[in-house]
Every structure is written in structure tokens, then in C-alpha cells.
Amino acid sequence: MQRLQGEAAVEPVGWNRGWPLLLGVLLYVVVAGIPYLGLVVSVLVTLLGLGAMWLSLRARTTKIVAPTDVQLNNAIPIDLKLNVGTGKAELNLSGLTLNTVDIAGGAGELRLDLSGVWAQSVEINIEGGVGKVTLRLPNAVGVRVAAKTGLGRVNATGLSKDGDAWVNAAYATSAVVLTITVEAGVGKVNLEME
């Protein structure tokens, strides 16, 4: 099941949209015929027109993303690939049947909830640019997190260091293991147990 939420803009059509343009052209023709004042008005109208064209082109190339709520079916195995770009992303993947997870983040905050019971082992790769990455990890299955930051630090609560990675208490005995790789450029990586 998938659900997307957002807002759509509705533009007016017909005469309500065209009469201001008609009135503006009529006033321009009348004022442009007046000596000296017509020259000043013509220059101002040209500058305003160029500014309006620039704003119009800029509005077409600017992406505006509304908050989105996506629900996935937990009965179907999923290879999940996400590009969260810029901003704040909160992802709750607990209870899903996942084969692999690849998440690429640009700048901002990423909160990933992996708590709960997992039926199978999963490889999770996270690449973050600038910002904060917070992972909520399960107690019931094994967890191994290899986290690297360029400029920043890794805070691991409830995990122990094992070579170049952090592991939970269930890692040594669990048949199901979440193997997580986090590479962050600048920022903080927080690892929290549920």
C-alpha cells in the first residue's frame, strides 16, 4: 500500500486571468503617447517585464517538495533505494521485509528507526553529506554498524566497539543480523538502542 500526501495549486482560467493584462496594455498605450513621461514609463515597463520573466523562469526551475507520507507493504520483500536530498527525513523501517537498503542523503537530518524484530538479515548502506544521522537499533537481533565521518563524530549508546565497528549484545549469538554501513561527510552519527 502506498499513500502520498501533498497540496495542489489551482489556477484560475478564462476572463478572470486575462483582464489585468488587457487593462495594463491599454494604460501603457495611453501613457506612452505623452512626451517625456512616455519615455520614462517605457523604460520602467521594460525593466519590470524583464524582472517578471526572470521570476517566471526561476519559479519553473525551483523544486518545492511537500511533506510526504509513504506506506509500504510489509508482506512483500523490498530492495529499498532512497535519495532524501536536502531537509529532514524520518524513516520507520521496523516491521518491513527488506532485502537491502541504500539511502543517500545530501544535507540535513536523517532519522532511521530500525527497532523491533527482524525476520531476516539485511544489509543497510547510508551515505550522508552534511548533517546528522540518527539510527534507532533493535535489541532482539544482532547489529553491526561500521560508521565513518569525515568531520564529525560517532556517538554509540548501548553498543560496544568491535574492531572498526560497533555491535550490540545479540550480535555474537543471533541468526539474524543487521549489517549497517554509514559514511557521513560532515556531521554527527548517533547510534541508539531501543
C-alpha atoms as a PDB file:
ATOM      1  CA  MET A   1       0.000   0.000   0.000  1.00  0.00           C
ATOM      2  CA  GLN A   2       1.345   3.424  -0.882  1.00  0.00           C
ATOM      3  CA  ARG A   3      -0.051   6.768   0.161  1.00  0.00           C
ATOM      4  CA  LEU A   4       1.287  10.151  -0.888  1.00  0.00           C
ATOM      5  CA  GLN A   5       0.083  13.380   0.604  1.00  0.00           C
ATOM      6  CA  GLY A   6       0.599  16.922  -0.609  1.00  0.00           C
ATOM      7  CA  GLU A   7      -1.176  20.009  -1.867  1.00  0.00           C
ATOM      8  CA  ALA A   8      -2.014  21.051  -5.408  1.00  0.00           C
ATOM      9  CA  ALA A   9      -2.395  24.616  -6.641  1.00  0.00           C
ATOM     10  CA  VAL A  10      -5.415  25.552  -8.758  1.00  0.00           C
ATOM     11  CA  GLU A  11      -5.004  28.403 -11.238  1.00  0.00           C
ATOM     12  CA  PRO A  12      -7.941  30.496 -12.479  1.00  0.00           C
ATOM     13  CA  VAL A  13      -8.840  30.254 -16.156  1.00  0.00           C
ATOM     14  CA  GLY A  14     -10.765  32.365 -18.648  1.00  0.00           C
ATOM     15  CA  TRP A  15     -11.577  36.095 -18.432  1.00  0.00           C
ATOM     16  CA  ASN A  16     -10.543  36.384 -14.758  1.00  0.00           C
ATOM     17  CA  ARG A  17      -6.960  35.716 -15.795  1.00  0.00           C
ATOM     18  CA  GLY A  18      -6.780  37.999 -18.874  1.00  0.00           C
ATOM     19  CA  TRP A  19      -8.444  41.293 -17.974  1.00  0.00           C
ATOM     20  CA  PRO A  20      -5.499  42.747 -15.936  1.00  0.00           C
ATOM     21  CA  LEU A  21      -3.225  42.247 -18.946  1.00  0.00           C
ATOM     22  CA  LEU A  22      -5.704  43.968 -21.284  1.00  0.00           C
ATOM     23  CA  LEU A  23      -6.115  46.915 -18.888  1.00  0.00           C
ATOM     24  CA  GLY A  24      -2.321  47.219 -18.477  1.00  0.00           C
ATOM     25  CA  VAL A  25      -1.724  47.305 -22.246  1.00  0.00           C
ATOM     26  CA  LEU A  26      -4.438  49.970 -22.689  1.00  0.00           C
ATOM     27  CA  LEU A  27      -2.930  52.189 -19.962  1.00  0.00           C
ATOM     28  CA  TYR A  28       0.554  51.718 -21.401  1.00  0.00           C
ATOM     29  CA  VAL A  29      -0.558  52.849 -24.878  1.00  0.00           C
ATOM     30  CA  VAL A  30      -2.206  55.989 -23.454  1.00  0.00           C
ATOM     31  CA  VAL A  31       0.737  56.957 -21.198  1.00  0.00           C
ATOM     32  CA  ALA A  32       3.423  56.107 -23.796  1.00  0.00           C
ATOM     33  CA  GLY A  33       1.967  58.797 -26.096  1.00  0.00           C
ATOM     34  CA  ILE A  34       2.753  61.598 -23.616  1.00  0.00           C
ATOM     35  CA  PRO A  35       6.133  63.290 -24.402  1.00  0.00           C
ATOM     36  CA  TYR A  36       8.974  62.628 -21.872  1.00  0.00           C
ATOM     37  CA  LEU A  37       6.638  60.780 -19.478  1.00  0.00           C
ATOM     38  CA  GLY A  38       6.164  58.119 -22.167  1.00  0.00           C
ATOM     39  CA  LEU A  39       9.930  57.518 -22.368  1.00  0.00           C
ATOM     40  CA  VAL A  40      10.236  57.069 -18.585  1.00  0.00           C
ATOM     41  CA  VAL A  41       7.212  54.752 -18.490  1.00  0.00           C
ATOM     42  CA  SER A  42       8.587  52.698 -21.413  1.00  0.00           C
ATOM     43  CA  VAL A  43      11.923  52.158 -19.620  1.00  0.00           C
ATOM     44  CA  LEU A  44      10.150  51.185 -16.372  1.00  0.00           C
ATOM     45  CA  VAL A  45       7.813  48.769 -18.157  1.00  0.00           C
ATOM     46  CA  THR A  46      10.767  47.153 -19.943  1.00  0.00           C
ATOM     47  CA  LEU A  47      12.641  46.661 -16.648  1.00  0.00           C
ATOM     48  CA  LEU A  48       9.548  45.289 -14.919  1.00  0.00           C
ATOM     49  CA  GLY A  49       8.917  42.931 -17.833  1.00  0.00           C
ATOM     50  CA  LEU A  50      12.473  41.584 -17.701  1.00  0.00           C
ATOM     51  CA  GLY A  51      12.137  41.097 -13.937  1.00  0.00           C
ATOM     52  CA  ALA A  52       8.837  39.272 -14.369  1.00  0.00           C
ATOM     53  CA  MET A  53      10.376  36.979 -16.998  1.00  0.00           C
ATOM     54  CA  TRP A  54      13.304  36.194 -14.681  1.00  0.00           C
ATOM     55  CA  LEU A  55      10.955  35.377 -11.778  1.00  0.00           C
ATOM     56  CA  SER A  56       8.798  33.212 -14.022  1.00  0.00           C
ATOM     57  CA  LEU A  57      11.775  31.175 -15.251  1.00  0.00           C
ATOM     58  CA  ARG A  58      13.141  30.886 -11.711  1.00  0.00           C
ATOM     59  CA  ALA A  59       9.804  29.569 -10.415  1.00  0.00           C
ATOM     60  CA  ARG A  60       9.788  26.833 -13.066  1.00  0.00           C
ATOM     61  CA  THR A  61      13.232  25.541 -12.098  1.00  0.00           C
ATOM     62  CA  THR A  62      12.765  25.649  -8.302  1.00  0.00           C
ATOM     63  CA  LYS A  63      11.633  22.381  -6.729  1.00  0.00           C
ATOM     64  CA  ILE A  64       9.158  22.661  -3.898  1.00  0.00           C
ATOM     65  CA  VAL A  65       8.622  19.398  -2.092  1.00  0.00           C
ATOM     66  CA  ALA A  66       5.690  18.983   0.239  1.00  0.00           C
ATOM     67  CA  PRO A  67       5.794  16.700   3.258  1.00  0.00           C
ATOM     68  CA  THR A  68       5.228  13.159   2.041  1.00  0.00           C
ATOM     69  CA  ASP A  69       3.933  10.110   3.861  1.00  0.00           C
ATOM     70  CA  VAL A  70       4.647   6.815   2.092  1.00  0.00           C
ATOM     71  CA  GLN A  71       3.445   3.492   3.481  1.00  0.00           C
ATOM     72  CA  LEU A  72       4.967   0.254   2.199  1.00  0.00           C
ATOM     73  CA  ASN A  73       3.520  -3.259   2.272  1.00  0.00           C
ATOM     74  CA  ASN A  74       5.340  -5.373   4.869  1.00  0.00           C
ATOM     75  CA  ALA A  75       4.419  -8.705   3.229  1.00  0.00           C
ATOM     76  CA  ILE A  76       6.458  -8.140   0.041  1.00  0.00           C
ATOM     77  CA  PRO A  77      10.299  -8.278   0.162  1.00  0.00           C
ATOM     78  CA  ILE A  78      11.716  -4.898  -0.879  1.00  0.00           C
ATOM     79  CA  ASP A  79      15.056  -3.630  -2.193  1.00  0.00           C
ATOM     80  CA  LEU A  80      14.767  -0.056  -0.930  1.00  0.00           C
ATOM     81  CA  LYS A  81      16.754   2.787  -2.523  1.00  0.00           C
ATOM     82  CA  LEU A  82      16.127   6.329  -1.319  1.00  0.00           C
ATOM     83  CA  ASN A  83      17.631   9.708  -2.124  1.00  0.00           C
ATOM     84  CA  VAL A  84      16.491  12.066   0.605  1.00  0.00           C
ATOM     85  CA  GLY A  85      18.254  15.157  -0.785  1.00  0.00           C
ATOM     86  CA  THR A  86      18.088  18.193   1.462  1.00  0.00           C
ATOM     87  CA  GLY A  87      15.983  18.643   4.569  1.00  0.00           C
ATOM     88  CA  LYS A  88      14.683  16.385   7.293  1.00  0.00           C
ATOM     89  CA  ALA A  89      13.763  12.738   6.723  1.00  0.00           C
ATOM     90  CA  GLU A  90      12.218  10.409   9.302  1.00  0.00           C
ATOM     91  CA  LEU A  91      12.053   6.792   8.157  1.00  0.00           C
ATOM     92  CA  ASN A  92      10.474   3.974  10.145  1.00  0.00           C
ATOM     93  CA  LEU A  93      11.563   0.684   8.583  1.00  0.00           C
ATOM     94  CA  SER A  94      10.686  -1.558  11.530  1.00  0.00           C
ATOM     95  CA  GLY A  95       8.450  -4.451  10.588  1.00  0.00           C
ATOM     96  CA  LEU A  96       9.216  -4.330   6.858  1.00  0.00           C
ATOM     97  CA  THR A  97      10.556  -7.284   4.888  1.00  0.00           C
ATOM     98  CA  LEU A  98      13.701  -5.815   3.370  1.00  0.00           C
ATOM     99  CA  ASN A  99      16.424  -7.426   1.273  1.00  0.00           C
ATOM    100  CA  THR A 100      18.729  -4.398   1.008  1.00  0.00           C
ATOM    101  CA  VAL A 101      18.514  -0.722   1.900  1.00  0.00           C
ATOM    102  CA  ASP A 102      20.517   2.050   0.201  1.00  0.00           C
ATOM    103  CA  ILE A 103      19.967   5.612   1.435  1.00  0.00           C
ATOM    104  CA  ALA A 104      21.737   8.677   0.031  1.00  0.00           C
ATOM    105  CA  GLY A 105      21.362  11.958   1.883  1.00  0.00           C
ATOM    106  CA  GLY A 106      22.530  15.412   0.899  1.00  0.00           C
ATOM    107  CA  ALA A 107      22.306  17.967   3.682  1.00  0.00           C
ATOM    108  CA  GLY A 108      20.069  17.910   6.721  1.00  0.00           C
ATOM    109  CA  GLU A 109      18.866  15.392   9.258  1.00  0.00           C
ATOM    110  CA  LEU A 110      18.124  11.700   8.772  1.00  0.00           C
ATOM    111  CA  ARG A 111      16.366   9.669  11.485  1.00  0.00           C
ATOM    112  CA  LEU A 112      16.106   5.958  10.736  1.00  0.00           C
ATOM    113  CA  ASP A 113      14.109   3.639  13.012  1.00  0.00           C
ATOM    114  CA  LEU A 114      15.232   0.011  12.674  1.00  0.00           C
ATOM    115  CA  SER A 115      13.837  -1.179  16.009  1.00  0.00           C
ATOM    116  CA  GLY A 116      11.724  -4.275  16.518  1.00  0.00           C
ATOM    117  CA  VAL A 117      12.046  -7.899  15.444  1.00  0.00           C
ATOM    118  CA  TRP A 118      13.516  -8.746  12.046  1.00  0.00           C
ATOM    119  CA  ALA A 119      12.747 -11.992  10.198  1.00  0.00           C
ATOM    120  CA  GLN A 120      15.874 -11.971   8.031  1.00  0.00           C
ATOM    121  CA  SER A 121      19.324 -10.428   7.859  1.00  0.00           C
ATOM    122  CA  VAL A 122      19.591  -7.132   5.969  1.00  0.00           C
ATOM    123  CA  GLU A 123      22.451  -5.030   4.579  1.00  0.00           C
ATOM    124  CA  ILE A 124      21.865  -1.302   5.039  1.00  0.00           C
ATOM    125  CA  ASN A 125      24.081   1.330   3.383  1.00  0.00           C
ATOM    126  CA  ILE A 126      23.747   5.003   4.284  1.00  0.00           C
ATOM    127  CA  GLU A 127      25.707   7.812   2.639  1.00  0.00           C
ATOM    128  CA  GLY A 128      25.231  11.237   4.189  1.00  0.00           C
ATOM    129  CA  GLY A 129      26.679  14.535   3.091  1.00  0.00           C
ATOM    130  CA  VAL A 130      26.333  17.257   5.693  1.00  0.00           C
ATOM    131  CA  GLY A 131      24.193  16.962   8.804  1.00  0.00           C
ATOM    132  CA  LYS A 132      23.093  14.493  11.434  1.00  0.00           C
ATOM    133  CA  VAL A 133      22.278  10.791  11.063  1.00  0.00           C
ATOM    134  CA  THR A 134      20.434   9.055  13.921  1.00  0.00           C
ATOM    135  CA  LEU A 135      19.827   5.297  13.903  1.00  0.00           C
ATOM    136  CA  ARG A 136      17.458   3.600  16.377  1.00  0.00           C
ATOM    137  CA  LEU A 137      18.640  -0.006  16.574  1.00  0.00           C
ATOM    138  CA  PRO A 138      16.940  -3.223  17.758  1.00  0.00           C
ATOM    139  CA  ASN A 139      17.882  -5.274  20.825  1.00  0.00           C
ATOM    140  CA  ALA A 140      16.323  -8.573  19.674  1.00  0.00           C
ATOM    141  CA  VAL A 141      18.585  -9.204  16.650  1.00  0.00           C
ATOM    142  CA  GLY A 142      22.289  -8.767  16.023  1.00  0.00           C
ATOM    143  CA  VAL A 143      23.531  -5.379  14.870  1.00  0.00           C
ATOM    144  CA  ARG A 144      26.903  -4.439  13.384  1.00  0.00           C
ATOM    145  CA  VAL A 145      27.479  -0.796  12.443  1.00  0.00           C
ATOM    146  CA  ALA A 146      30.567   0.438  10.590  1.00  0.00           C
ATOM    147  CA  ALA A 147      30.361   4.229  10.765  1.00  0.00           C
ATOM    148  CA  LYS A 148      32.816   6.762   9.334  1.00  0.00           C
ATOM    149  CA  THR A 149      32.694  10.541   9.350  1.00  0.00           C
ATOM    150  CA  GLY A 150      34.923  12.999   7.560  1.00  0.00           C
ATOM    151  CA  LEU A 151      34.483  15.864  10.022  1.00  0.00           C
ATOM    152  CA  GLY A 152      32.359  14.940  12.994  1.00  0.00           C
ATOM    153  CA  ARG A 153      31.928  12.111  15.427  1.00  0.00           C
ATOM    154  CA  VAL A 154      30.071   8.906  16.144  1.00  0.00           C
ATOM    155  CA  ASN A 155      28.054   8.591  19.372  1.00  0.00           C
ATOM    156  CA  ALA A 156      27.247   4.952  20.180  1.00  0.00           C
ATOM    157  CA  THR A 157      24.929   4.342  23.138  1.00  0.00           C
ATOM    158  CA  GLY A 158      24.445   0.735  24.291  1.00  0.00           C
ATOM    159  CA  LEU A 159      26.932  -0.704  21.764  1.00  0.00           C
ATOM    160  CA  SER A 160      30.458  -1.986  22.174  1.00  0.00           C
ATOM    161  CA  LYS A 161      33.414  -1.427  19.862  1.00  0.00           C
ATOM    162  CA  ASP A 162      34.489  -4.459  17.793  1.00  0.00           C
ATOM    163  CA  GLY A 163      37.449  -3.556  15.573  1.00  0.00           C
ATOM    164  CA  ASP A 164      36.313  -0.736  13.296  1.00  0.00           C
ATOM    165  CA  ALA A 165      32.592  -1.264  14.032  1.00  0.00           C
ATOM    166  CA  TRP A 166      30.052  -1.155  16.853  1.00  0.00           C
ATOM    167  CA  VAL A 167      27.996  -4.220  17.807  1.00  0.00           C
ATOM    168  CA  ASN A 168      25.130  -4.909  20.200  1.00  0.00           C
ATOM    169  CA  ALA A 169      24.941  -7.716  22.785  1.00  0.00           C
ATOM    170  CA  ALA A 170      22.914 -10.012  20.479  1.00  0.00           C
ATOM    171  CA  TYR A 171      25.439  -9.820  17.617  1.00  0.00           C
ATOM    172  CA  ALA A 172      27.500 -12.845  18.688  1.00  0.00           C
ATOM    173  CA  THR A 173      24.532 -15.213  19.113  1.00  0.00           C
ATOM    174  CA  SER A 174      21.793 -14.011  16.751  1.00  0.00           C
ATOM    175  CA  ALA A 175      20.989 -15.807  13.475  1.00  0.00           C
ATOM    176  CA  VAL A 176      19.559 -12.542  12.101  1.00  0.00           C
ATOM    177  CA  VAL A 177      21.983  -9.619  11.764  1.00  0.00           C
ATOM    178  CA  LEU A 178      21.545  -6.069  10.515  1.00  0.00           C
ATOM    179  CA  THR A 179      24.818  -5.106   8.841  1.00  0.00           C
ATOM    180  CA  ILE A 180      24.894  -1.321   8.584  1.00  0.00           C
ATOM    181  CA  THR A 181      27.451   0.896   6.867  1.00  0.00           C
ATOM    182  CA  VAL A 182      27.280   4.658   7.460  1.00  0.00           C
ATOM    183  CA  GLU A 183      29.508   7.134   5.637  1.00  0.00           C
ATOM    184  CA  ALA A 184      28.944  10.750   6.610  1.00  0.00           C
ATOM    185  CA  GLY A 185      30.895  13.698   5.263  1.00  0.00           C
ATOM    186  CA  VAL A 186      30.420  16.423   7.854  1.00  0.00           C
ATOM    187  CA  GLY A 187      28.266  15.963  10.928  1.00  0.00           C
ATOM    188  CA  LYS A 188      27.239  13.577  13.659  1.00  0.00           C
ATOM    189  CA  VAL A 189      26.225   9.924  13.624  1.00  0.00           C
ATOM    190  CA  ASN A 190      24.115   8.850  16.618  1.00  0.00           C
ATOM    191  CA  LEU A 191      23.580   5.137  17.285  1.00  0.00           C
ATOM    192  CA  GLU A 192      20.822   4.458  19.829  1.00  0.00           C
ATOM    193  CA  MET A 193      19.444   1.151  21.111  1.00  0.00           C
ATOM    194  CA  GLU A 194      15.668   0.773  21.526  1.00  0.00           C
END
